[in-house]
Amino acid sequence: MPIVVEAVYEGGVFKPLKKVNLKDGQKVKIKIELDVSKYYGVFGKASAKELKELEEEVQM
């Protein structure tokens, strides 16, 4: 069952913003999804989906 954990990347390490119920050494897969909320309003009335699409184009 997937768990969504917000984290900050600092010094080469992902640091969760809240406590995560995992054992030390437990392996996980991480899907990185950047926060596009900082762009809300910048491009007019663009939807969250449109902002994510723009962000993906920029990262390519």
C-alpha atoms as a PDB file:
ATOM      1  CA  MET A   1       0.000   0.000   0.000  1.00  0.00           C
ATOM      2  CA  PRO A   2       1.572   3.336  -1.051  1.00  0.00           C
ATOM      3  CA  ILE A   3       2.267   6.048   1.503  1.00  0.00           C
ATOM      4  CA  VAL A   4       2.765   9.685   0.503  1.00  0.00           C
ATOM      5  CA  VAL A   5       5.495  11.428   2.497  1.00  0.00           C
ATOM      6  CA  GLU A   6       6.456  15.060   2.015  1.00  0.00           C
ATOM      7  CA  ALA A   7      10.193  15.536   2.319  1.00  0.00           C
ATOM      8  CA  VAL A   8      12.954  18.085   1.827  1.00  0.00           C
ATOM      9  CA  TYR A   9      16.168  17.203   0.003  1.00  0.00           C
ATOM     10  CA  GLU A  10      19.201  18.545   1.899  1.00  0.00           C
ATOM     11  CA  GLY A  11      22.840  17.516   1.764  1.00  0.00           C
ATOM     12  CA  GLY A  12      22.119  14.547  -0.494  1.00  0.00           C
ATOM     13  CA  VAL A  13      19.465  13.123   1.858  1.00  0.00           C
ATOM     14  CA  PHE A  14      15.651  13.118   1.724  1.00  0.00           C
ATOM     15  CA  LYS A  15      14.334  14.315   5.096  1.00  0.00           C
ATOM     16  CA  PRO A  16      10.655  13.562   5.835  1.00  0.00           C
ATOM     17  CA  LEU A  17       8.658  16.492   7.188  1.00  0.00           C
ATOM     18  CA  LYS A  18       6.672  14.145   9.483  1.00  0.00           C
ATOM     19  CA  LYS A  19       7.484  10.920  11.337  1.00  0.00           C
ATOM     20  CA  VAL A  20       7.475   7.861   9.072  1.00  0.00           C
ATOM     21  CA  ASN A  21       6.672   4.424  10.493  1.00  0.00           C
ATOM     22  CA  LEU A  22       9.521   2.420   8.920  1.00  0.00           C
ATOM     23  CA  LYS A  23      12.256   0.235  10.371  1.00  0.00           C
ATOM     24  CA  ASP A  24      15.900   1.329  10.086  1.00  0.00           C
ATOM     25  CA  GLY A  25      17.421  -0.089   6.931  1.00  0.00           C
ATOM     26  CA  GLN A  26      14.049  -0.792   5.306  1.00  0.00           C
ATOM     27  CA  LYS A  27      14.220  -0.227   1.539  1.00  0.00           C
ATOM     28  CA  VAL A  28      11.592   1.895  -0.199  1.00  0.00           C
ATOM     29  CA  LYS A  29      10.980   3.220  -3.710  1.00  0.00           C
ATOM     30  CA  ILE A  30      10.716   6.983  -4.053  1.00  0.00           C
ATOM     31  CA  LYS A  31       8.711   8.770  -6.755  1.00  0.00           C
ATOM     32  CA  ILE A  32       9.788  12.399  -6.941  1.00  0.00           C
ATOM     33  CA  GLU A  33       7.033  14.894  -7.655  1.00  0.00           C
ATOM     34  CA  LEU A  34       7.983  18.556  -7.379  1.00  0.00           C
ATOM     35  CA  ASP A  35       5.622  20.994  -5.629  1.00  0.00           C
ATOM     36  CA  VAL A  36       4.049  23.240  -8.285  1.00  0.00           C
ATOM     37  CA  SER A  37       1.980  25.283  -5.820  1.00  0.00           C
ATOM     38  CA  LYS A  38       4.561  28.091  -5.975  1.00  0.00           C
ATOM     39  CA  TYR A  39       3.450  28.718  -9.577  1.00  0.00           C
ATOM     40  CA  TYR A  40      -0.279  29.124  -8.845  1.00  0.00           C
ATOM     41  CA  GLY A  41      -1.421  32.489 -10.189  1.00  0.00           C
ATOM     42  CA  VAL A  42       1.807  33.192 -12.098  1.00  0.00           C
ATOM     43  CA  PHE A  43       0.401  31.893 -15.380  1.00  0.00           C
ATOM     44  CA  GLY A  44      -3.098  33.277 -14.947  1.00  0.00           C
ATOM     45  CA  LYS A  45      -5.779  30.664 -14.404  1.00  0.00           C
ATOM     46  CA  ALA A  46      -3.715  27.607 -15.355  1.00  0.00           C
ATOM     47  CA  SER A  47      -4.879  24.397 -13.729  1.00  0.00           C
ATOM     48  CA  ALA A  48      -2.664  22.229 -11.539  1.00  0.00           C
ATOM     49  CA  LYS A  49      -2.543  19.681 -14.380  1.00  0.00           C
ATOM     50  CA  GLU A  50      -1.346  22.342 -16.842  1.00  0.00           C
ATOM     51  CA  LEU A  51       1.323  23.500 -14.397  1.00  0.00           C
ATOM     52  CA  LYS A  52       2.606  19.937 -13.935  1.00  0.00           C
ATOM     53  CA  GLU A  53       2.754  19.478 -17.716  1.00  0.00           C
ATOM     54  CA  LEU A  54       4.743  22.712 -18.088  1.00  0.00           C
ATOM     55  CA  GLU A  55       7.099  21.660 -15.315  1.00  0.00           C
ATOM     56  CA  GLU A  56       7.687  18.262 -16.946  1.00  0.00           C
ATOM     57  CA  GLU A  57       8.535  19.974 -20.254  1.00  0.00           C
ATOM     58  CA  VAL A  58      11.080  22.223 -18.525  1.00  0.00           C
ATOM     59  CA  GLN A  59      12.766  19.259 -16.806  1.00  0.00           C
ATOM     60  CA  MET A  60      13.311  17.384 -20.096  1.00  0.00           C
END
